[in-house]
Amino acid sequence: MTVDELDTRILRLLLEQPRTSVREYARILGVARGTVQARLDRMERAGVITGTGPALSPAALGHPVLAFVHIEVTQGHLDEVGDALAAVPEIVEAFSITGGGDLLTRVVARDNAHLEDVIQKLISLPGVVRTRSEVALRERVPHRLLPLVESIGRTARK
């Protein structure tokens, strides 16, 4: 899908002011409310906008430890291990990857002992050969998409 300058401005507002109404977005942008709603609907259908829920903090929910756990899987068992990972609540993301390992997971825990328990649970899953973990010390760049959206908007203007 091609994202034009107006789409970019709408996305910026959506990222910066997610709890604002479509009517208010339209007022800020100086366009009709129907135009904003149609653009939002189109971007949702195209998969550009994938959700509108709140961003939650695992640390504020009592899970301040963040680790990236690489998982090596026995050949032919990737789907089964992936399905099993979905049943582990401390895994907040999992990706198939290239390079060292087959899966990369983002794991949150209450403390280091809890992290070890989660890793032991992963190691015990059928099809898991080994894991390698890296504990995050400090977030340097938080998850963000606004710089990408702005870059796409600059490209759309040219």
C-alpha atoms as a PDB file:
ATOM      1  CA  MET A   1       0.000   0.000   0.000  1.00  0.00           C
ATOM      2  CA  THR A   2       1.219   3.478  -0.793  1.00  0.00           C
ATOM      3  CA  VAL A   3       1.124   5.855   2.161  1.00  0.00           C
ATOM      4  CA  ASP A   4       0.788   9.493   1.123  1.00  0.00           C
ATOM      5  CA  GLU A   5       1.437  12.695   3.063  1.00  0.00           C
ATOM      6  CA  LEU A   6      -2.062  12.863   4.593  1.00  0.00           C
ATOM      7  CA  ASP A   7      -1.818   9.225   5.697  1.00  0.00           C
ATOM      8  CA  THR A   8       1.525  10.056   7.299  1.00  0.00           C
ATOM      9  CA  ARG A   9       0.025  13.014   9.163  1.00  0.00           C
ATOM     10  CA  ILE A  10      -2.851  10.820  10.372  1.00  0.00           C
ATOM     11  CA  LEU A  11      -0.439   8.110  11.520  1.00  0.00           C
ATOM     12  CA  ARG A  12       1.666  10.675  13.356  1.00  0.00           C
ATOM     13  CA  LEU A  13      -1.401  11.880  15.262  1.00  0.00           C
ATOM     14  CA  LEU A  14      -2.454   8.312  15.967  1.00  0.00           C
ATOM     15  CA  LEU A  15       0.986   7.562  17.432  1.00  0.00           C
ATOM     16  CA  GLU A  16       1.343  10.812  19.362  1.00  0.00           C
ATOM     17  CA  GLN A  17      -2.277  11.177  20.527  1.00  0.00           C
ATOM     18  CA  PRO A  18      -3.805   7.677  20.465  1.00  0.00           C
ATOM     19  CA  ARG A  19      -6.772   8.536  22.693  1.00  0.00           C
ATOM     20  CA  THR A  20      -8.003  11.429  20.548  1.00  0.00           C
ATOM     21  CA  SER A  21     -11.221  11.122  18.540  1.00  0.00           C
ATOM     22  CA  VAL A  22     -11.420  10.959  14.768  1.00  0.00           C
ATOM     23  CA  ARG A  23     -13.367  14.235  14.868  1.00  0.00           C
ATOM     24  CA  GLU A  24     -10.468  15.918  16.701  1.00  0.00           C
ATOM     25  CA  TYR A  25      -7.911  14.443  14.263  1.00  0.00           C
ATOM     26  CA  ALA A  26      -9.965  15.925  11.425  1.00  0.00           C
ATOM     27  CA  ARG A  27     -10.050  19.344  13.131  1.00  0.00           C
ATOM     28  CA  ILE A  28      -6.278  19.308  13.699  1.00  0.00           C
ATOM     29  CA  LEU A  29      -5.597  18.248  10.110  1.00  0.00           C
ATOM     30  CA  GLY A  30      -8.161  20.591   8.573  1.00  0.00           C
ATOM     31  CA  VAL A  31      -9.943  17.828   6.650  1.00  0.00           C
ATOM     32  CA  ALA A  32     -13.383  16.241   6.857  1.00  0.00           C
ATOM     33  CA  ARG A  33     -14.026  13.665   9.573  1.00  0.00           C
ATOM     34  CA  GLY A  34     -15.195  11.221   6.882  1.00  0.00           C
ATOM     35  CA  THR A  35     -11.869  11.609   5.071  1.00  0.00           C
ATOM     36  CA  VAL A  36      -9.899  10.745   8.204  1.00  0.00           C
ATOM     37  CA  GLN A  37     -12.177   7.791   8.980  1.00  0.00           C
ATOM     38  CA  ALA A  38     -11.924   6.484   5.401  1.00  0.00           C
ATOM     39  CA  ARG A  39      -8.123   6.750   5.519  1.00  0.00           C
ATOM     40  CA  LEU A  40      -7.986   4.957   8.889  1.00  0.00           C
ATOM     41  CA  ASP A  41     -10.289   2.202   7.604  1.00  0.00           C
ATOM     42  CA  ARG A  42      -8.179   1.787   4.438  1.00  0.00           C
ATOM     43  CA  MET A  43      -4.947   1.578   6.444  1.00  0.00           C
ATOM     44  CA  GLU A  44      -6.518  -0.990   8.788  1.00  0.00           C
ATOM     45  CA  ARG A  45      -7.698  -3.127   5.844  1.00  0.00           C
ATOM     46  CA  ALA A  46      -4.218  -2.907   4.286  1.00  0.00           C
ATOM     47  CA  GLY A  47      -2.569  -3.982   7.549  1.00  0.00           C
ATOM     48  CA  VAL A  48      -0.718  -0.697   8.107  1.00  0.00           C
ATOM     49  CA  ILE A  49      -2.626  -0.150  11.352  1.00  0.00           C
ATOM     50  CA  THR A  50      -2.609  -3.415  13.262  1.00  0.00           C
ATOM     51  CA  GLY A  51      -4.073  -2.448  16.588  1.00  0.00           C
ATOM     52  CA  THR A  52      -5.328   0.364  18.730  1.00  0.00           C
ATOM     53  CA  GLY A  53      -4.947  -1.083  22.206  1.00  0.00           C
ATOM     54  CA  PRO A  54      -2.848   0.437  24.969  1.00  0.00           C
ATOM     55  CA  ALA A  55       0.895  -0.146  25.210  1.00  0.00           C
ATOM     56  CA  LEU A  56       1.572  -1.982  28.466  1.00  0.00           C
ATOM     57  CA  SER A  57       4.734  -2.032  30.542  1.00  0.00           C
ATOM     58  CA  PRO A  58       5.856  -5.499  31.688  1.00  0.00           C
ATOM     59  CA  ALA A  59       8.063  -3.785  34.308  1.00  0.00           C
ATOM     60  CA  ALA A  60       5.071  -1.952  35.778  1.00  0.00           C
ATOM     61  CA  LEU A  61       3.233  -5.285  35.797  1.00  0.00           C
ATOM     62  CA  GLY A  62       5.947  -6.753  38.025  1.00  0.00           C
ATOM     63  CA  HIS A  63       8.207  -8.210  35.306  1.00  0.00           C
ATOM     64  CA  PRO A  64      11.172  -5.800  35.035  1.00  0.00           C
ATOM     65  CA  VAL A  65      13.691  -8.343  33.694  1.00  0.00           C
ATOM     66  CA  LEU A  66      13.881  -8.521  29.895  1.00  0.00           C
ATOM     67  CA  ALA A  67      15.864 -11.188  28.093  1.00  0.00           C
ATOM     68  CA  PHE A  68      16.265 -12.261  24.508  1.00  0.00           C
ATOM     69  CA  VAL A  69      16.391 -16.036  24.343  1.00  0.00           C
ATOM     70  CA  HIS A  70      17.639 -17.754  21.192  1.00  0.00           C
ATOM     71  CA  ILE A  71      16.260 -21.259  20.764  1.00  0.00           C
ATOM     72  CA  GLU A  72      17.797 -23.962  18.610  1.00  0.00           C
ATOM     73  CA  VAL A  73      15.205 -26.486  17.434  1.00  0.00           C
ATOM     74  CA  THR A  74      15.486 -30.055  16.149  1.00  0.00           C
ATOM     75  CA  GLN A  75      14.917 -30.056  12.392  1.00  0.00           C
ATOM     76  CA  GLY A  76      11.285 -30.513  11.479  1.00  0.00           C
ATOM     77  CA  HIS A  77       9.951 -29.350  14.867  1.00  0.00           C
ATOM     78  CA  LEU A  78       9.830 -25.585  14.381  1.00  0.00           C
ATOM     79  CA  ASP A  79       6.034 -25.357  14.197  1.00  0.00           C
ATOM     80  CA  GLU A  80       5.513 -27.561  17.252  1.00  0.00           C
ATOM     81  CA  VAL A  81       8.002 -25.561  19.323  1.00  0.00           C
ATOM     82  CA  GLY A  82       6.454 -22.314  18.096  1.00  0.00           C
ATOM     83  CA  ASP A  83       3.019 -23.518  19.186  1.00  0.00           C
ATOM     84  CA  ALA A  84       4.407 -24.551  22.596  1.00  0.00           C
ATOM     85  CA  LEU A  85       5.998 -21.109  23.058  1.00  0.00           C
ATOM     86  CA  ALA A  86       2.579 -19.505  22.721  1.00  0.00           C
ATOM     87  CA  ALA A  87       1.568 -21.276  25.945  1.00  0.00           C
ATOM     88  CA  VAL A  88       4.366 -19.602  27.968  1.00  0.00           C
ATOM     89  CA  PRO A  89       2.958 -16.294  29.268  1.00  0.00           C
ATOM     90  CA  GLU A  90       6.390 -14.752  29.905  1.00  0.00           C
ATOM     91  CA  ILE A  91       7.178 -14.933  26.175  1.00  0.00           C
ATOM     92  CA  VAL A  92       5.897 -11.661  24.771  1.00  0.00           C
ATOM     93  CA  GLU A  93       7.260 -12.165  21.236  1.00  0.00           C
ATOM     94  CA  ALA A  94       8.808 -14.955  19.208  1.00  0.00           C
ATOM     95  CA  PHE A  95      10.296 -14.889  15.730  1.00  0.00           C
ATOM     96  CA  SER A  96      11.758 -17.447  13.323  1.00  0.00           C
ATOM     97  CA  ILE A  97      15.228 -16.172  12.456  1.00  0.00           C
ATOM     98  CA  THR A  98      18.292 -16.796  10.353  1.00  0.00           C
ATOM     99  CA  GLY A  99      21.763 -17.083  11.823  1.00  0.00           C
ATOM    100  CA  GLY A 100      22.548 -18.628  15.206  1.00  0.00           C
ATOM    101  CA  GLY A 101      19.450 -20.445  16.347  1.00  0.00           C
ATOM    102  CA  ASP A 102      16.030 -20.972  14.862  1.00  0.00           C
ATOM    103  CA  LEU A 103      13.833 -18.815  17.090  1.00  0.00           C
ATOM    104  CA  LEU A 104      14.345 -15.551  18.934  1.00  0.00           C
ATOM    105  CA  THR A 105      12.062 -14.854  21.864  1.00  0.00           C
ATOM    106  CA  ARG A 106      11.558 -11.796  24.001  1.00  0.00           C
ATOM    107  CA  VAL A 107      11.018 -12.977  27.563  1.00  0.00           C
ATOM    108  CA  VAL A 108      10.006 -10.973  30.634  1.00  0.00           C
ATOM    109  CA  ALA A 109      10.438 -12.119  34.223  1.00  0.00           C
ATOM    110  CA  ARG A 110       9.965 -10.964  37.809  1.00  0.00           C
ATOM    111  CA  ASP A 111      13.659 -11.462  38.630  1.00  0.00           C
ATOM    112  CA  ASN A 112      16.675 -13.495  37.514  1.00  0.00           C
ATOM    113  CA  ALA A 113      15.505 -16.618  39.347  1.00  0.00           C
ATOM    114  CA  HIS A 114      12.154 -16.417  37.563  1.00  0.00           C
ATOM    115  CA  LEU A 115      13.984 -15.937  34.250  1.00  0.00           C
ATOM    116  CA  GLU A 116      15.964 -19.108  34.948  1.00  0.00           C
ATOM    117  CA  ASP A 117      12.701 -20.977  35.624  1.00  0.00           C
ATOM    118  CA  VAL A 118      11.271 -19.788  32.311  1.00  0.00           C
ATOM    119  CA  ILE A 119      14.431 -20.818  30.448  1.00  0.00           C
ATOM    120  CA  GLN A 120      14.325 -24.248  32.100  1.00  0.00           C
ATOM    121  CA  LYS A 121      10.714 -24.572  30.926  1.00  0.00           C
ATOM    122  CA  LEU A 122      11.847 -23.728  27.379  1.00  0.00           C
ATOM    123  CA  ILE A 123      14.698 -26.231  27.483  1.00  0.00           C
ATOM    124  CA  SER A 124      12.280 -28.972  28.528  1.00  0.00           C
ATOM    125  CA  LEU A 125       9.995 -28.452  25.499  1.00  0.00           C
ATOM    126  CA  PRO A 126      10.088 -31.349  23.015  1.00  0.00           C
ATOM    127  CA  GLY A 127      12.153 -30.315  20.009  1.00  0.00           C
ATOM    128  CA  VAL A 128      14.295 -27.719  21.808  1.00  0.00           C
ATOM    129  CA  VAL A 129      18.009 -28.548  21.510  1.00  0.00           C
ATOM    130  CA  ARG A 130      19.509 -25.588  23.403  1.00  0.00           C
ATOM    131  CA  THR A 131      18.983 -21.992  24.326  1.00  0.00           C
ATOM    132  CA  ARG A 132      21.214 -18.939  24.556  1.00  0.00           C
ATOM    133  CA  SER A 133      20.110 -15.938  26.562  1.00  0.00           C
ATOM    134  CA  GLU A 134      20.999 -12.273  26.639  1.00  0.00           C
ATOM    135  CA  VAL A 135      19.640 -10.075  29.421  1.00  0.00           C
ATOM    136  CA  ALA A 136      18.809  -6.484  28.503  1.00  0.00           C
ATOM    137  CA  LEU A 137      20.445  -3.991  30.853  1.00  0.00           C
ATOM    138  CA  ARG A 138      18.787  -0.759  29.741  1.00  0.00           C
ATOM    139  CA  GLU A 139      16.503   0.253  26.917  1.00  0.00           C
ATOM    140  CA  ARG A 140      18.383   2.684  24.663  1.00  0.00           C
ATOM    141  CA  VAL A 141      15.791   3.192  21.929  1.00  0.00           C
ATOM    142  CA  PRO A 142      12.209   2.327  22.877  1.00  0.00           C
ATOM    143  CA  HIS A 143       9.960   0.626  20.365  1.00  0.00           C
ATOM    144  CA  ARG A 144       8.985   3.358  17.960  1.00  0.00           C
ATOM    145  CA  LEU A 145       7.579   3.789  14.503  1.00  0.00           C
ATOM    146  CA  LEU A 146       7.185   7.552  14.229  1.00  0.00           C
ATOM    147  CA  PRO A 147      10.653   8.137  12.685  1.00  0.00           C
ATOM    148  CA  LEU A 148       9.850   5.508  10.040  1.00  0.00           C
ATOM    149  CA  VAL A 149       6.434   7.056   9.363  1.00  0.00           C
ATOM    150  CA  GLU A 150       8.041  10.489   9.022  1.00  0.00           C
ATOM    151  CA  SER A 151      10.668   9.106   6.637  1.00  0.00           C
ATOM    152  CA  ILE A 152       7.957   7.519   4.511  1.00  0.00           C
ATOM    153  CA  GLY A 153       6.048  10.824   4.552  1.00  0.00           C
ATOM    154  CA  ARG A 154       9.123  12.722   3.340  1.00  0.00           C
ATOM    155  CA  THR A 155       9.529  10.199   0.532  1.00  0.00           C
ATOM    156  CA  ALA A 156       5.828  10.510  -0.392  1.00  0.00           C
ATOM    157  CA  ARG A 157       6.213  14.294  -0.829  1.00  0.00           C
ATOM    158  CA  LYS A 158       8.982  13.920  -3.398  1.00  0.00           C
END
